[in-house]
Structure formats: structure tokens, C-alpha cells
Amino acid sequence: MTVVELYFLGNSVIELNGEYVSEITIFKNGIKEFTFTGLGAESMTPKKLAAMQKETLR
């Protein structure tokens, strides 16, 4: 199980930091990467949203 999965299952950042100190940077990036924004079919990850915005600017 990944640190991100443990976070979404209800473990606090402080608890996870105590056990997975070296993985906290990965954890923070993972939260950003796997947290969906929007509703239903319109939801997407911030990473995908940033890619779409970058493509729009071209």
C-alpha cells in the first residue's frame, strides 16, 4: 500500500511522517497527483489540468 493510499484511508500526515520520513516528498507530490478536482465526468487531477492548460496556451 502506498503512502498516498494510507492518507486517503484516514491516516494523518503526522502519523505517516513518523513512519515514512523519507517518503514525505513523494507523499506530497502524490497527493497533488492523485487528488481529483471537479465533479463526475468533469473531474481530473491537477497534473492533467495543468497539461490541458499548457496545451491550450499553444
PDB file of N, CA and C in Angstrom:
ATOM      1  N   MET A   1       0.847  -1.166   0.000  1.00  0.00           N
ATOM      2  CA  MET A   1       0.000   0.000   0.000  1.00  0.00           C
ATOM      3  C   MET A   1       0.904   1.244   0.000  1.00  0.00           C
ATOM      4  N   THR A   2       0.557   2.231  -0.794  1.00  0.00           N
ATOM      5  CA  THR A   2       1.372   3.438  -0.877  1.00  0.00           C
ATOM      6  C   THR A   2       1.019   4.416   0.240  1.00  0.00           C
ATOM      7  N   VAL A   3       1.892   5.381   0.445  1.00  0.00           N
ATOM      8  CA  VAL A   3       1.659   6.400   1.454  1.00  0.00           C
ATOM      9  C   VAL A   3       0.405   7.195   1.110  1.00  0.00           C
ATOM     10  N   VAL A   4       0.197   7.469  -0.162  1.00  0.00           N
ATOM     11  CA  VAL A   4      -0.993   8.211  -0.590  1.00  0.00           C
ATOM     12  C   VAL A   4      -2.254   7.425  -0.254  1.00  0.00           C
ATOM     13  N   GLU A   5      -2.244   6.121  -0.498  1.00  0.00           N
ATOM     14  CA  GLU A   5      -3.406   5.291  -0.169  1.00  0.00           C
ATOM     15  C   GLU A   5      -3.669   5.308   1.332  1.00  0.00           C
ATOM     16  N   LEU A   6      -2.612   5.227   2.134  1.00  0.00           N
ATOM     17  CA  LEU A   6      -2.771   5.286   3.587  1.00  0.00           C
ATOM     18  C   LEU A   6      -3.377   6.617   4.013  1.00  0.00           C
ATOM     19  N   TYR A   7      -2.960   7.706   3.365  1.00  0.00           N
ATOM     20  CA  TYR A   7      -3.529   9.028   3.674  1.00  0.00           C
ATOM     21  C   TYR A   7      -5.020   9.062   3.361  1.00  0.00           C
ATOM     22  N   PHE A   8      -5.395   8.553   2.187  1.00  0.00           N
ATOM     23  CA  PHE A   8      -6.802   8.568   1.805  1.00  0.00           C
ATOM     24  C   PHE A   8      -7.652   7.618   2.645  1.00  0.00           C
ATOM     25  N   LEU A   9      -7.008   6.679   3.332  1.00  0.00           N
ATOM     26  CA  LEU A   9      -7.730   5.781   4.241  1.00  0.00           C
ATOM     27  C   LEU A   9      -7.896   6.391   5.633  1.00  0.00           C
ATOM     28  N   GLY A  10      -7.385   7.612   5.832  1.00  0.00           N
ATOM     29  CA  GLY A  10      -7.623   8.302   7.081  1.00  0.00           C
ATOM     30  C   GLY A  10      -6.426   8.519   7.976  1.00  0.00           C
ATOM     31  N   ASN A  11      -5.251   8.075   7.576  1.00  0.00           N
ATOM     32  CA  ASN A  11      -4.056   8.324   8.373  1.00  0.00           C
ATOM     33  C   ASN A  11      -3.639   9.779   8.223  1.00  0.00           C
ATOM     34  N   SER A  12      -3.222  10.400   9.314  1.00  0.00           N
ATOM     35  CA  SER A  12      -2.818  11.802   9.253  1.00  0.00           C
ATOM     36  C   SER A  12      -1.400  11.923   8.702  1.00  0.00           C
ATOM     37  N   VAL A  13      -1.077  13.120   8.232  1.00  0.00           N
ATOM     38  CA  VAL A  13       0.265  13.387   7.722  1.00  0.00           C
ATOM     39  C   VAL A  13       1.292  13.176   8.827  1.00  0.00           C
ATOM     40  N   ILE A  14       0.954  13.579  10.033  1.00  0.00           N
ATOM     41  CA  ILE A  14       1.877  13.427  11.161  1.00  0.00           C
ATOM     42  C   ILE A  14       2.166  11.948  11.432  1.00  0.00           C
ATOM     43  N   GLU A  15       1.130  11.121  11.413  1.00  0.00           N
ATOM     44  CA  GLU A  15       1.321   9.678  11.624  1.00  0.00           C
ATOM     45  C   GLU A  15       2.202   9.088  10.524  1.00  0.00           C
ATOM     46  N   LEU A  16       1.907   9.452   9.306  1.00  0.00           N
ATOM     47  CA  LEU A  16       2.672   8.915   8.186  1.00  0.00           C
ATOM     48  C   LEU A  16       4.103   9.431   8.199  1.00  0.00           C
ATOM     49  N   ASN A  17       4.289  10.674   8.602  1.00  0.00           N
ATOM     50  CA  ASN A  17       5.625  11.245   8.671  1.00  0.00           C
ATOM     51  C   ASN A  17       6.495  10.476   9.655  1.00  0.00           C
ATOM     52  N   GLY A  18       5.902  10.031  10.763  1.00  0.00           N
ATOM     53  CA  GLY A  18       6.640   9.271  11.756  1.00  0.00           C
ATOM     54  C   GLY A  18       7.134   7.929  11.238  1.00  0.00           C
ATOM     55  N   GLU A  19       6.377   7.320  10.336  1.00  0.00           N
ATOM     56  CA  GLU A  19       6.730   6.002   9.829  1.00  0.00           C
ATOM     57  C   GLU A  19       7.468   6.049   8.495  1.00  0.00           C
ATOM     58  N   TYR A  20       7.185   7.058   7.708  1.00  0.00           N
ATOM     59  CA  TYR A  20       7.710   7.104   6.341  1.00  0.00           C
ATOM     60  C   TYR A  20       8.418   8.428   6.070  1.00  0.00           C
ATOM     61  N   VAL A  21       9.354   8.795   6.924  1.00  0.00           N
ATOM     62  CA  VAL A  21      10.014  10.097   6.828  1.00  0.00           C
ATOM     63  C   VAL A  21      10.613  10.322   5.445  1.00  0.00           C
ATOM     64  N   SER A  22      11.281   9.340   4.894  1.00  0.00           N
ATOM     65  CA  SER A  22      11.939   9.525   3.600  1.00  0.00           C
ATOM     66  C   SER A  22      10.952   9.607   2.445  1.00  0.00           C
ATOM     67  N   GLU A  23       9.703   9.230   2.669  1.00  0.00           N
ATOM     68  CA  GLU A  23       8.720   9.227   1.598  1.00  0.00           C
ATOM     69  C   GLU A  23       7.787  10.442   1.616  1.00  0.00           C
ATOM     70  N   ILE A  24       8.009  11.380   2.516  1.00  0.00           N
ATOM     71  CA  ILE A  24       7.087  12.506   2.634  1.00  0.00           C
ATOM     72  C   ILE A  24       7.076  13.360   1.375  1.00  0.00           C
ATOM     73  N   THR A  25       8.213  13.562   0.728  1.00  0.00           N
ATOM     74  CA  THR A  25       8.224  14.332  -0.516  1.00  0.00           C
ATOM     75  C   THR A  25       7.396  13.625  -1.569  1.00  0.00           C
ATOM     76  N   ILE A  26       7.558  12.319  -1.672  1.00  0.00           N
ATOM     77  CA  ILE A  26       6.760  11.528  -2.610  1.00  0.00           C
ATOM     78  C   ILE A  26       5.281  11.654  -2.241  1.00  0.00           C
ATOM     79  N   PHE A  27       5.010  11.614  -0.953  1.00  0.00           N
ATOM     80  CA  PHE A  27       3.646  11.729  -0.436  1.00  0.00           C
ATOM     81  C   PHE A  27       3.007  13.044  -0.866  1.00  0.00           C
ATOM     82  N   LYS A  28       3.708  14.140  -0.649  1.00  0.00           N
ATOM     83  CA  LYS A  28       3.169  15.454  -1.002  1.00  0.00           C
ATOM     84  C   LYS A  28       2.900  15.554  -2.496  1.00  0.00           C
ATOM     85  N   ASN A  29       3.821  15.046  -3.301  1.00  0.00           N
ATOM     86  CA  ASN A  29       3.619  15.057  -4.749  1.00  0.00           C
ATOM     87  C   ASN A  29       2.489  14.115  -5.141  1.00  0.00           C
ATOM     88  N   GLY A  30       2.378  12.994  -4.460  1.00  0.00           N
ATOM     89  CA  GLY A  30       1.320  12.032  -4.749  1.00  0.00           C
ATOM     90  C   GLY A  30      -0.058  12.578  -4.455  1.00  0.00           C
ATOM     91  N   ILE A  31      -0.176  13.322  -3.369  1.00  0.00           N
ATOM     92  CA  ILE A  31      -1.463  13.942  -3.033  1.00  0.00           C
ATOM     93  C   ILE A  31      -1.889  14.859  -4.164  1.00  0.00           C
ATOM     94  N   LYS A  32      -0.965  15.657  -4.652  1.00  0.00           N
ATOM     95  CA  LYS A  32      -1.284  16.571  -5.746  1.00  0.00           C
ATOM     96  C   LYS A  32      -1.641  15.810  -7.012  1.00  0.00           C
ATOM     97  N   GLU A  33      -0.930  14.726  -7.251  1.00  0.00           N
ATOM     98  CA  GLU A  33      -1.136  13.979  -8.491  1.00  0.00           C
ATOM     99  C   GLU A  33      -2.424  13.172  -8.495  1.00  0.00           C
ATOM    100  N   PHE A  34      -2.832  12.655  -7.343  1.00  0.00           N
ATOM    101  CA  PHE A  34      -3.967  11.745  -7.302  1.00  0.00           C
ATOM    102  C   PHE A  34      -5.249  12.337  -6.720  1.00  0.00           C
ATOM    103  N   THR A  35      -5.229  13.601  -6.333  1.00  0.00           N
ATOM    104  CA  THR A  35      -6.422  14.240  -5.810  1.00  0.00           C
ATOM    105  C   THR A  35      -7.208  14.832  -6.975  1.00  0.00           C
ATOM    106  N   PHE A  36      -8.434  14.379  -7.135  1.00  0.00           N
ATOM    107  CA  PHE A  36      -9.259  14.831  -8.248  1.00  0.00           C
ATOM    108  C   PHE A  36      -9.976  16.123  -7.893  1.00  0.00           C
ATOM    109  N   THR A  37     -10.131  16.977  -8.904  1.00  0.00           N
ATOM    110  CA  THR A  37     -10.909  18.196  -8.754  1.00  0.00           C
ATOM    111  C   THR A  37     -12.060  18.141  -9.748  1.00  0.00           C
ATOM    112  N   GLY A  38     -13.142  18.794  -9.443  1.00  0.00           N
ATOM    113  CA  GLY A  38     -14.306  18.772 -10.325  1.00  0.00           C
ATOM    114  C   GLY A  38     -15.285  17.691  -9.914  1.00  0.00           C
ATOM    115  N   LEU A  39     -16.342  17.545 -10.694  1.00  0.00           N
ATOM    116  CA  LEU A  39     -17.393  16.586 -10.374  1.00  0.00           C
ATOM    117  C   LEU A  39     -17.640  15.627 -11.531  1.00  0.00           C
ATOM    118  N   GLY A  40     -17.889  14.378 -11.200  1.00  0.00           N
ATOM    119  CA  GLY A  40     -18.280  13.372 -12.194  1.00  0.00           C
ATOM    120  C   GLY A  40     -17.316  13.262 -13.354  1.00  0.00           C
ATOM    121  N   ALA A  41     -17.876  13.284 -14.562  1.00  0.00           N
ATOM    122  CA  ALA A  41     -17.075  13.127 -15.778  1.00  0.00           C
ATOM    123  C   ALA A  41     -16.125  14.301 -15.980  1.00  0.00           C
ATOM    124  N   GLU A  42     -16.392  15.413 -15.311  1.00  0.00           N
ATOM    125  CA  GLU A  42     -15.561  16.607 -15.455  1.00  0.00           C
ATOM    126  C   GLU A  42     -14.359  16.601 -14.501  1.00  0.00           C
ATOM    127  N   SER A  43     -14.244  15.592 -13.635  1.00  0.00           N
ATOM    128  CA  SER A  43     -13.150  15.585 -12.667  1.00  0.00           C
ATOM    129  C   SER A  43     -11.841  15.170 -13.323  1.00  0.00           C
ATOM    130  N   MET A  44     -10.747  15.729 -12.809  1.00  0.00           N
ATOM    131  CA  MET A  44      -9.420  15.393 -13.304  1.00  0.00           C
ATOM    132  C   MET A  44      -8.402  15.735 -12.234  1.00  0.00           C
ATOM    133  N   THR A  45      -7.205  15.203 -12.394  1.00  0.00           N
ATOM    134  CA  THR A  45      -6.141  15.504 -11.450  1.00  0.00           C
ATOM    135  C   THR A  45      -5.537  16.860 -11.784  1.00  0.00           C
ATOM    136  N   PRO A  46      -4.926  17.512 -10.800  1.00  0.00           N
ATOM    137  CA  PRO A  46      -4.266  18.785 -11.077  1.00  0.00           C
ATOM    138  C   PRO A  46      -3.195  18.657 -12.164  1.00  0.00           C
ATOM    139  N   LYS A  47      -2.532  17.512 -12.206  1.00  0.00           N
ATOM    140  CA  LYS A  47      -1.500  17.284 -13.223  1.00  0.00           C
ATOM    141  C   LYS A  47      -2.121  17.293 -14.624  1.00  0.00           C
ATOM    142  N   LYS A  48      -3.258  16.637 -14.777  1.00  0.00           N
ATOM    143  CA  LYS A  48      -3.935  16.608 -16.073  1.00  0.00           C
ATOM    144  C   LYS A  48      -4.472  17.997 -16.421  1.00  0.00           C
ATOM    145  N   LEU A  49      -4.992  18.702 -15.438  1.00  0.00           N
ATOM    146  CA  LEU A  49      -5.496  20.048 -15.658  1.00  0.00           C
ATOM    147  C   LEU A  49      -4.373  20.968 -16.136  1.00  0.00           C
ATOM    148  N   ALA A  50      -3.214  20.882 -15.502  1.00  0.00           N
ATOM    149  CA  ALA A  50      -2.070  21.708 -15.901  1.00  0.00           C
ATOM    150  C   ALA A  50      -1.636  21.381 -17.330  1.00  0.00           C
ATOM    151  N   ALA A  51      -1.662  20.108 -17.700  1.00  0.00           N
ATOM    152  CA  ALA A  51      -1.307  19.707 -19.061  1.00  0.00           C
ATOM    153  C   ALA A  51      -2.298  20.272 -20.073  1.00  0.00           C
ATOM    154  N   MET A  52      -3.577  20.233 -19.734  1.00  0.00           N
ATOM    155  CA  MET A  52      -4.604  20.781 -20.625  1.00  0.00           C
ATOM    156  C   MET A  52      -4.447  22.292 -20.774  1.00  0.00           C
ATOM    157  N   GLN A  53      -4.155  22.978 -19.671  1.00  0.00           N
ATOM    158  CA  GLN A  53      -3.966  24.422 -19.725  1.00  0.00           C
ATOM    159  C   GLN A  53      -2.738  24.782 -20.551  1.00  0.00           C
ATOM    160  N   LYS A  54      -1.674  24.007 -20.412  1.00  0.00           N
ATOM    161  CA  LYS A  54      -0.462  24.237 -21.185  1.00  0.00           C
ATOM    162  C   LYS A  54      -0.746  24.065 -22.675  1.00  0.00           C
ATOM    163  N   GLU A  55      -1.500  23.023 -23.003  1.00  0.00           N
ATOM    164  CA  GLU A  55      -1.859  22.762 -24.404  1.00  0.00           C
ATOM    165  C   GLU A  55      -2.738  23.888 -24.957  1.00  0.00           C
ATOM    166  N   THR A  56      -3.624  24.411 -24.137  1.00  0.00           N
ATOM    167  CA  THR A  56      -4.499  25.497 -24.556  1.00  0.00           C
ATOM    168  C   THR A  56      -3.710  26.764 -24.896  1.00  0.00           C
ATOM    169  N   LEU A  57      -2.619  26.989 -24.172  1.00  0.00           N
ATOM    170  CA  LEU A  57      -1.806  28.180 -24.403  1.00  0.00           C
ATOM    171  C   LEU A  57      -1.008  28.122 -25.700  1.00  0.00           C
ATOM    172  N   ARG A  58      -0.886  26.966 -26.283  1.00  0.00           N
ATOM    173  CA  ARG A  58      -0.109  26.840 -27.530  1.00  0.00           C
ATOM    174  C   ARG A  58      -0.810  27.472 -28.680  1.00  0.00           C
TER     175      ARG A  58
END
